[in-house]
Amino acid sequence: MRLPDYIATAQTNLLRTKVRTFLTVLAFVIGTFTLAMVTSFSQGLRSYLNTQLNAYGQPNVINVGLSSSASQASSSGVAYYQPNRQSSTGGGRGEGKSTNYTLNQTDLAKVKATAGVTAAYPDYSTLTVDYVQYGNSPKYIMPVQGAYPDESIALAAGAFPTGSQTNGVVLPYAYVEAFGVSRADQLLGKTVTIQVSAQQPGQMHQYTAVVTGVLPDTAHQPAAYLANQLIGDMVQFQIGNTSQFSGIVAVAADNVTKSERAQIKSALQGEGYKADTYDDLIANFNRPLTVVSAGLTGFAAIALLAATIGIVNTLLMAVLERTQEIGLLKALGMRRRGITFIYLVEAASIGFWGGVVGVALAMLTGLIANPILNRTVFTGIGSAHLLTYPAPYMLAIIVGAMIIGLLAGTLPAIRAGRLDPIEALRHE
């Protein structure tokens, strides 16, 4: 017999006991459907998180800071005073305290000299603005951060300020509606007013900024990006100097790899700095997602285990019911391996059909659920497809179901192949 003949014979044999075959396949459908849904949820959520996090960081940017470490603190944990550095203590009432030191131009020069770092800029995250206003719109609060020439975050409209745009600003997407326009590109080239108060009471200054871009719509509102010159002017007015800053933004090459980022991080840590890369940001979100996905996959595995037992039972019953038929086939010259192969094809077929139907139902569920989720749970936080179905993953589920079927059918198939033809023909 040729392979197509074996496949056709196996399908015919399965159809002899339609109800039993249907129930066995249904068990596999439940398992593969659950696994496909877990996979689609996990992949969709990872993709969604990556899209959202792109507004907060980029692969070639490393955030550098300086905090008290074992070498900067006494044996009792009290941080040493460091000349030419200001310090701030983090942590709320009742929480553990951590001391953070400011950085200066010497630190900036060290970071710039680090292998793999192409540029470095001071991070003035301590700057606070009073409000931002567009025309006669209401005044809104707005967190800010520096925009540097090396920024490469994908925007909803426009671009980051160039080196010559000293008063450019990139607004978060939420301000599109707040400023009374319908599209992000309608804000490009418009001017907004940003007020900053100095540390001395009663001193305020208003800055005019030109909108060069708008950030993508994200679940959480990121800070606006101000041109490096503009944010420096604001810091100078508010604090009185720009010689000390809370951190440093180090920039690597656009095509920097994960291993190269790790090397840069290690080099910065060797200089006594703490460094957070894009990989750290992603890992912080992916770690709990991995745990949840593993737990849900365990439930799918239990369902597939039940289906596996069902295949063993179905094929053992088939061997028992078709004992005389097996004896006749052997008497007519079919070899032992031919009999075994027929039952293995039957087992693989159950896994195949269970996988195909389970994956198809999961994809249909996603087709229905995604638009509903976009209109309900994810309303106002950007376009989201929480359930995604990458073809390689779905194909792997189907192939995996077939392999499980083959493994489950091995024992009944071997038993069928070992039947003695004379004893089989006598069986009633």
Protein backbone atom coordinates (compact mmCIF):
# COMPACT_ATOMS: atom_id res chain seq x y z
CA MET A 1 0.00 0.00 0.00
CA ARG A 2 1.09 3.55 -0.72
CA LEU A 3 0.89 6.37 1.82
CA PRO A 4 -2.35 7.82 0.36
CA ASP A 5 -3.90 4.33 0.68
CA TYR A 6 -2.90 4.12 4.33
CA ILE A 7 -4.38 7.59 4.99
CA ALA A 8 -7.63 6.75 3.18
CA THR A 9 -7.95 3.43 5.03
CA ALA A 10 -7.34 5.14 8.36
CA GLN A 11 -10.06 7.74 7.70
CA THR A 12 -12.50 5.00 6.71
CA ASN A 13 -11.75 3.06 9.88
CA LEU A 14 -12.32 6.14 12.03
CA LEU A 15 -15.70 6.75 10.41
CA ARG A 16 -16.90 3.27 11.35
CA THR A 17 -17.43 4.44 14.93
CA LYS A 18 -18.48 8.01 14.33
CA VAL A 19 -19.64 8.83 17.86
CA ARG A 20 -16.56 7.44 19.58
CA THR A 21 -14.24 9.13 17.07
CA PHE A 22 -16.14 12.40 17.41
CA LEU A 23 -15.82 12.39 21.20
CA THR A 24 -12.10 11.59 21.03
CA VAL A 25 -11.49 14.34 18.47
CA LEU A 26 -13.61 16.72 20.57
CA ALA A 27 -11.33 16.13 23.56
CA PHE A 28 -8.39 17.10 21.36
CA VAL A 29 -10.29 20.13 20.07
CA ILE A 30 -10.78 21.37 23.62
CA GLY A 31 -7.10 20.95 24.40
CA THR A 32 -5.76 22.56 21.22
CA PHE A 33 -8.36 25.35 21.40
CA THR A 34 -7.23 26.17 24.93
CA LEU A 35 -3.57 26.06 23.91
CA ALA A 36 -4.20 28.23 20.83
CA MET A 37 -6.08 30.81 22.92
CA VAL A 38 -3.31 30.91 25.54
CA THR A 39 -0.71 31.31 22.78
CA SER A 40 -2.70 34.03 21.00
CA PHE A 41 -3.27 35.90 24.25
CA SER A 42 0.40 35.65 25.23
CA GLN A 43 1.70 36.74 21.80
CA GLY A 44 -0.91 39.47 21.45
CA LEU A 45 -0.18 40.88 24.89
CA ARG A 46 3.58 40.80 24.27
CA SER A 47 3.11 42.63 20.98
CA TYR A 48 0.77 45.12 22.64
CA LEU A 49 3.21 45.76 25.49
CA ASN A 50 6.09 46.24 23.06
CA THR A 51 4.03 48.79 21.12
CA GLN A 52 3.10 50.63 24.30
CA LEU A 53 6.65 50.56 25.68
CA ASN A 54 8.06 52.04 22.49
CA ALA A 55 6.69 55.38 23.69
CA TYR A 56 8.77 55.10 26.87
CA GLY A 57 12.05 53.74 25.61
CA GLN A 58 14.00 52.60 22.59
CA PRO A 59 16.49 49.77 22.07
CA ASN A 60 19.57 51.99 21.62
CA VAL A 61 18.98 54.18 24.71
CA ILE A 62 20.44 53.38 28.14
CA ASN A 63 19.43 55.31 31.26
CA VAL A 64 22.39 55.91 33.54
CA GLY A 65 22.20 56.91 37.19
CA LEU A 66 24.17 56.82 40.40
CA SER A 67 22.85 55.46 43.67
CA SER A 68 24.41 54.38 46.93
CA SER A 69 26.06 50.99 46.59
CA ALA A 70 28.15 48.81 48.87
CA SER A 71 31.24 50.87 48.01
CA GLN A 72 29.39 54.14 48.68
CA ALA A 73 27.93 53.21 52.06
CA SER A 74 29.18 52.13 55.45
CA SER A 75 28.87 48.59 56.74
CA SER A 76 25.65 49.63 58.47
CA GLY A 77 24.18 50.77 55.17
CA VAL A 78 24.38 54.53 55.77
CA ALA A 79 25.39 56.30 52.54
CA TYR A 80 28.54 58.41 52.55
CA TYR A 81 28.53 62.08 51.73
CA GLN A 82 29.99 62.66 48.27
CA PRO A 83 31.49 66.07 47.43
CA ASN A 84 30.09 67.88 44.39
CA ARG A 85 26.96 65.74 44.43
CA GLN A 86 23.52 66.48 45.72
CA SER A 87 21.52 63.60 47.14
CA SER A 88 17.86 62.72 47.36
CA THR A 89 16.21 59.98 49.36
CA GLY A 90 13.48 57.91 47.74
CA GLY A 91 10.75 55.86 49.33
CA GLY A 92 7.54 56.88 51.07
CA ARG A 93 6.59 56.82 54.71
CA GLY A 94 7.07 53.36 56.12
CA GLU A 95 9.02 52.21 53.03
CA GLY A 96 12.69 51.39 52.64
CA LYS A 97 14.80 54.43 51.80
CA SER A 98 17.29 54.60 48.94
CA THR A 99 19.78 57.41 48.39
CA ASN A 100 20.28 58.74 44.86
CA TYR A 101 23.07 61.11 43.91
CA THR A 102 23.04 63.70 41.15
CA LEU A 103 25.48 63.43 38.27
CA ASN A 104 27.69 66.13 36.79
CA GLN A 105 29.76 66.99 33.74
CA THR A 106 32.55 64.64 34.83
CA ASP A 107 30.08 61.74 34.82
CA LEU A 108 28.77 62.86 31.44
CA ALA A 109 32.29 62.74 30.00
CA LYS A 110 32.86 59.22 31.43
CA VAL A 111 29.62 57.92 29.95
CA LYS A 112 30.44 59.43 26.55
CA ALA A 113 33.84 57.72 26.65
CA THR A 114 32.32 54.28 27.33
CA ALA A 115 32.83 51.79 24.49
CA GLY A 116 29.66 51.44 22.41
CA VAL A 117 28.17 54.78 23.50
CA THR A 118 27.85 57.19 20.56
CA ALA A 119 26.34 60.12 22.48
CA ALA A 120 25.19 61.08 25.96
CA TYR A 121 22.92 63.82 27.29
CA PRO A 122 21.97 65.07 30.78
CA ASP A 123 18.57 63.93 32.04
CA TYR A 124 16.69 66.73 33.79
CA SER A 125 13.79 64.61 35.03
CA THR A 126 13.47 66.80 38.13
CA LEU A 127 12.12 69.68 36.02
CA THR A 128 8.44 70.43 36.66
CA VAL A 129 6.28 72.74 34.57
CA ASP A 130 3.18 74.52 35.82
CA TYR A 131 1.00 74.02 32.77
CA VAL A 132 0.80 73.85 28.98
CA GLN A 133 -1.77 75.76 26.95
CA TYR A 134 -2.70 75.84 23.27
CA GLY A 135 -4.42 79.04 22.16
CA ASN A 136 -7.45 79.64 24.35
CA SER A 137 -7.68 76.03 25.52
CA PRO A 138 -7.75 75.22 29.23
CA LYS A 139 -4.41 74.94 30.98
CA TYR A 140 -3.18 71.37 31.46
CA ILE A 141 -0.44 69.87 33.57
CA MET A 142 2.23 68.05 31.58
CA PRO A 143 5.25 66.01 32.68
CA VAL A 144 8.28 66.65 30.47
CA GLN A 145 11.57 65.05 29.51
CA GLY A 146 14.40 65.85 27.13
CA ALA A 147 14.23 65.08 23.41
CA TYR A 148 17.59 64.34 21.86
CA PRO A 149 18.72 64.23 18.22
CA ASP A 150 19.09 60.44 18.44
CA GLU A 151 15.45 59.72 19.38
CA SER A 152 13.87 57.16 17.04
CA ILE A 153 10.50 56.38 18.59
CA ALA A 154 7.77 55.96 15.99
CA LEU A 155 5.31 58.87 16.23
CA ALA A 156 1.64 59.24 15.37
CA ALA A 157 2.57 62.37 13.41
CA GLY A 158 5.58 64.58 12.78
CA ALA A 159 9.11 64.03 14.04
CA PHE A 160 11.39 64.77 16.97
CA PRO A 161 13.02 68.21 17.06
CA THR A 162 16.18 68.53 15.00
CA GLY A 163 19.34 70.13 16.35
CA SER A 164 18.25 73.50 14.92
CA GLN A 165 14.74 73.35 16.44
CA THR A 166 15.69 74.64 19.86
CA ASN A 167 12.10 75.12 21.06
CA GLY A 168 10.44 72.01 19.62
CA VAL A 169 8.08 69.79 21.61
CA VAL A 170 6.61 66.34 21.00
CA LEU A 171 3.25 66.04 22.74
CA PRO A 172 1.59 62.89 24.13
CA TYR A 173 -1.39 61.75 22.05
CA ALA A 174 -3.87 62.60 24.82
CA TYR A 175 -3.36 66.32 24.15
CA VAL A 176 -4.83 65.98 20.64
CA GLU A 177 -8.34 65.73 22.07
CA ALA A 178 -7.51 68.00 25.01
CA PHE A 179 -6.52 70.81 22.64
CA GLY A 180 -9.73 70.41 20.64
CA VAL A 181 -8.41 68.94 17.36
CA SER A 182 -9.45 65.71 15.70
CA ARG A 183 -6.13 64.53 14.23
CA ALA A 184 -2.58 64.50 15.50
CA ASP A 185 -1.17 66.13 12.37
CA GLN A 186 -3.37 69.20 12.94
CA LEU A 187 -1.09 70.20 15.83
CA LEU A 188 2.12 70.10 13.80
CA GLY A 189 3.73 73.53 13.51
CA LYS A 190 1.38 75.02 16.12
CA THR A 191 2.74 76.84 19.15
CA VAL A 192 1.94 76.07 22.77
CA THR A 193 2.74 78.00 25.91
CA ILE A 194 4.57 76.29 28.77
CA GLN A 195 4.89 78.03 32.12
CA VAL A 196 7.70 77.24 34.55
CA SER A 197 8.07 78.52 38.11
CA ALA A 198 11.43 79.16 39.70
CA GLN A 199 12.35 77.86 43.12
CA GLN A 200 12.08 81.43 44.43
CA PRO A 201 8.41 82.15 45.18
CA GLY A 202 6.61 84.39 42.70
CA GLN A 203 9.05 83.99 39.80
CA MET A 204 7.47 82.47 36.69
CA HIS A 205 8.39 82.40 33.03
CA GLN A 206 6.38 81.41 29.96
CA TYR A 207 8.09 79.64 27.07
CA THR A 208 6.75 79.29 23.54
CA ALA A 209 7.24 75.84 22.03
CA VAL A 210 6.51 74.61 18.50
CA VAL A 211 4.86 71.20 18.13
CA THR A 212 7.08 69.06 15.90
CA GLY A 213 5.45 65.70 16.60
CA VAL A 214 2.81 63.74 18.51
CA LEU A 215 3.49 60.47 20.33
CA PRO A 216 1.42 57.37 19.48
CA ASP A 217 -1.74 56.57 21.42
CA THR A 218 -0.73 54.47 24.43
CA ALA A 219 -2.39 53.00 27.50
CA HIS A 220 -0.45 55.26 29.85
CA GLN A 221 0.38 58.86 29.12
CA PRO A 222 4.14 59.39 28.74
CA ALA A 223 5.93 62.67 29.34
CA ALA A 224 6.23 65.24 26.57
CA TYR A 225 9.59 65.55 24.84
CA LEU A 226 11.19 69.01 24.88
CA ALA A 227 14.11 70.04 22.69
CA ASN A 228 17.41 69.77 24.52
CA GLN A 229 18.02 73.53 24.40
CA LEU A 230 14.51 74.33 25.63
CA ILE A 231 14.60 71.98 28.59
CA GLY A 232 18.06 73.29 29.50
CA ASP A 233 16.76 76.86 29.54
CA MET A 234 13.85 75.82 31.75
CA VAL A 235 16.14 74.03 34.21
CA GLN A 236 18.44 77.04 34.34
CA PHE A 237 15.49 79.27 35.21
CA GLN A 238 13.89 76.89 37.72
CA ILE A 239 16.96 75.63 39.57
CA GLY A 240 19.59 78.21 38.71
CA ASN A 241 22.14 75.91 37.06
CA THR A 242 22.46 72.97 34.70
CA SER A 243 25.71 71.58 36.08
CA GLN A 244 24.02 68.76 38.00
CA PHE A 245 21.31 66.41 36.80
CA SER A 246 19.41 63.38 38.01
CA GLY A 247 20.65 61.02 35.31
CA ILE A 248 22.29 60.60 31.94
CA VAL A 249 20.77 59.32 28.72
CA ALA A 250 23.39 57.27 26.86
CA VAL A 251 22.77 56.49 23.19
CA ALA A 252 24.24 53.56 21.27
CA ALA A 253 24.17 52.82 17.54
CA ASP A 254 20.73 52.34 15.96
CA ASN A 255 21.49 48.69 15.11
CA VAL A 256 22.88 47.79 18.55
CA THR A 257 22.21 44.16 19.48
CA LYS A 258 21.03 42.78 22.79
CA SER A 259 24.48 41.38 23.60
CA GLU A 260 26.10 44.74 22.78
CA ARG A 261 23.63 46.52 25.07
CA ALA A 262 24.59 44.08 27.82
CA GLN A 263 28.28 44.85 27.26
CA ILE A 264 27.66 48.60 27.48
CA LYS A 265 25.64 48.10 30.65
CA SER A 266 28.41 45.98 32.17
CA ALA A 267 31.02 48.62 31.29
CA LEU A 268 28.94 51.39 32.90
CA GLN A 269 28.40 49.31 36.02
CA GLY A 270 32.15 48.77 36.16
CA GLU A 271 32.53 52.56 36.37
CA GLY A 272 30.21 52.63 39.40
CA TYR A 273 26.99 53.61 37.63
CA LYS A 274 23.64 51.88 37.46
CA ALA A 275 22.33 51.35 33.94
CA ASP A 276 18.87 50.37 32.72
CA THR A 277 18.51 49.17 29.15
CA TYR A 278 15.48 48.58 26.95
CA ASP A 279 15.84 44.87 27.71
CA ASP A 280 15.38 45.57 31.42
CA LEU A 281 12.21 47.51 30.68
CA ILE A 282 10.80 44.69 28.56
CA ALA A 283 11.84 42.03 31.08
CA ASN A 284 10.02 43.78 33.92
CA PHE A 285 6.75 43.44 32.02
CA ASN A 286 7.40 40.06 30.38
CA ARG A 287 8.32 38.27 33.60
CA PRO A 288 4.81 38.22 35.13
CA LEU A 289 3.33 37.58 31.68
CA THR A 290 5.53 34.50 31.31
CA VAL A 291 4.35 33.17 34.67
CA VAL A 292 0.69 33.68 33.76
CA SER A 293 1.17 32.10 30.32
CA ALA A 294 2.90 29.08 31.86
CA GLY A 295 0.01 28.58 34.27
CA LEU A 296 -2.59 28.79 31.51
CA THR A 297 -0.54 26.44 29.31
CA GLY A 298 -0.63 23.94 32.17
CA PHE A 299 -4.43 23.85 31.98
CA ALA A 300 -4.22 23.21 28.23
CA ALA A 301 -1.72 20.43 28.87
CA ILE A 302 -4.16 18.76 31.28
CA ALA A 303 -6.86 18.85 28.61
CA LEU A 304 -4.47 17.33 26.05
CA LEU A 305 -3.50 14.63 28.55
CA ALA A 306 -7.16 13.66 28.89
CA ALA A 307 -7.44 13.58 25.10
CA THR A 308 -4.34 11.37 24.90
CA ILE A 309 -5.95 8.83 27.20
CA GLY A 310 -9.02 9.00 24.98
CA ILE A 311 -6.96 8.09 21.91
CA VAL A 312 -5.44 5.09 23.68
CA ASN A 313 -8.91 3.90 24.68
CA THR A 314 -10.40 4.49 21.22
CA LEU A 315 -7.66 2.60 19.38
CA LEU A 316 -7.54 -0.27 21.88
CA MET A 317 -11.29 -0.70 21.37
CA ALA A 318 -10.75 -0.56 17.60
CA VAL A 319 -8.10 -3.28 17.79
CA LEU A 320 -10.44 -5.45 19.86
CA GLU A 321 -13.39 -4.91 17.49
CA ARG A 322 -11.34 -5.49 14.33
CA THR A 323 -9.29 -8.47 15.52
CA GLN A 324 -10.69 -10.82 12.87
CA GLU A 325 -10.18 -8.19 10.19
CA ILE A 326 -6.54 -7.81 11.24
CA GLY A 327 -6.11 -11.59 11.06
CA LEU A 328 -7.61 -11.64 7.57
CA LEU A 329 -5.32 -8.85 6.37
CA LYS A 330 -2.30 -10.72 7.70
CA ALA A 331 -3.51 -13.96 6.10
CA LEU A 332 -3.77 -12.11 2.77
CA GLY A 333 -0.15 -10.99 3.07
CA MET A 334 -0.16 -7.62 4.83
CA ARG A 335 2.93 -7.30 6.93
CA ARG A 336 3.06 -6.55 10.62
CA ARG A 337 4.45 -3.05 10.02
CA GLY A 338 1.59 -2.31 7.62
CA ILE A 339 -1.00 -3.10 10.28
CA THR A 340 0.93 -1.03 12.82
CA PHE A 341 1.22 1.89 10.41
CA ILE A 342 -2.55 1.98 9.75
CA TYR A 343 -3.27 2.43 13.46
CA LEU A 344 -0.53 5.03 13.81
CA VAL A 345 -2.11 6.98 10.93
CA GLU A 346 -5.49 6.74 12.67
CA ALA A 347 -3.96 8.14 15.87
CA ALA A 348 -2.20 10.95 13.99
CA SER A 349 -5.44 11.73 12.14
CA ILE A 350 -7.31 12.20 15.42
CA GLY A 351 -4.59 14.61 16.57
CA PHE A 352 -4.60 16.38 13.19
CA TRP A 353 -8.34 16.97 13.03
CA GLY A 354 -8.45 17.95 16.69
CA GLY A 355 -5.63 20.44 16.10
CA VAL A 356 -7.12 21.91 12.93
CA VAL A 357 -10.59 22.36 14.39
CA GLY A 358 -9.25 23.68 17.72
CA VAL A 359 -7.00 26.26 16.04
CA ALA A 360 -9.78 27.25 13.62
CA LEU A 361 -12.22 27.82 16.50
CA ALA A 362 -9.59 29.85 18.37
CA MET A 363 -8.97 32.06 15.33
CA LEU A 364 -12.72 32.53 14.86
CA THR A 365 -12.98 33.52 18.52
CA GLY A 366 -10.26 36.12 18.01
CA LEU A 367 -11.98 37.46 14.91
CA ILE A 368 -15.10 38.08 16.99
CA ALA A 369 -13.44 39.10 20.28
CA ASN A 370 -10.84 41.62 19.05
CA PRO A 371 -13.33 44.23 17.75
CA ILE A 372 -15.38 43.87 20.93
CA LEU A 373 -12.28 44.36 23.10
CA ASN A 374 -11.28 47.42 21.06
CA ARG A 375 -14.69 49.01 21.71
CA THR A 376 -14.83 48.11 25.41
CA VAL A 377 -11.73 47.18 27.43
CA PHE A 378 -9.25 49.00 25.17
CA THR A 379 -11.34 52.05 24.36
CA GLY A 380 -9.19 55.18 24.36
CA ILE A 381 -5.83 53.46 24.80
CA GLY A 382 -4.84 52.89 21.20
CA SER A 383 -5.63 50.18 18.68
CA ALA A 384 -5.09 46.76 20.18
CA HIS A 385 -5.36 43.18 18.97
CA LEU A 386 -5.07 41.29 22.20
CA LEU A 387 -5.55 37.95 20.42
CA THR A 388 -3.05 37.36 17.64
CA TYR A 389 -2.41 34.10 15.82
CA PRO A 390 1.12 33.85 14.36
CA ALA A 391 1.08 31.16 11.67
CA PRO A 392 4.23 29.35 12.94
CA TYR A 393 2.73 28.98 16.42
CA MET A 394 -0.61 27.73 15.12
CA LEU A 395 1.11 25.26 12.79
CA ALA A 396 3.24 24.07 15.71
CA ILE A 397 0.08 23.38 17.74
CA ILE A 398 -1.38 21.25 14.93
CA VAL A 399 1.88 19.36 14.43
CA GLY A 400 2.20 18.92 18.20
CA ALA A 401 -1.32 17.48 18.36
CA MET A 402 -0.39 14.97 15.64
CA ILE A 403 2.77 13.97 17.51
CA ILE A 404 0.81 13.49 20.74
CA GLY A 405 -1.67 11.39 18.79
CA LEU A 406 1.14 9.26 17.38
CA LEU A 407 2.63 8.70 20.82
CA ALA A 408 -0.77 7.82 22.26
CA GLY A 409 -1.45 5.40 19.41
CA THR A 410 1.87 3.60 19.67
CA LEU A 411 0.73 0.98 22.20
CA PRO A 412 -2.52 0.01 20.37
CA ALA A 413 -0.67 0.01 17.02
CA ILE A 414 2.05 -2.31 18.30
CA ARG A 415 -0.57 -4.56 19.84
CA ALA A 416 -2.44 -4.76 16.53
CA GLY A 417 0.75 -5.55 14.64
CA ARG A 418 1.69 -8.38 17.01
CA LEU A 419 -1.62 -10.23 16.69
CA ASP A 420 -1.20 -13.81 15.51
CA PRO A 421 -3.26 -14.20 12.31
CA ILE A 422 -4.57 -17.68 13.24
CA GLU A 423 -5.65 -16.60 16.73
CA ALA A 424 -7.10 -13.39 15.29
CA LEU A 425 -9.26 -15.28 12.79
CA ARG A 426 -10.61 -17.50 15.60
CA HIS A 427 -11.56 -14.45 17.69
CA GLU A 428 -15.27 -13.78 18.12
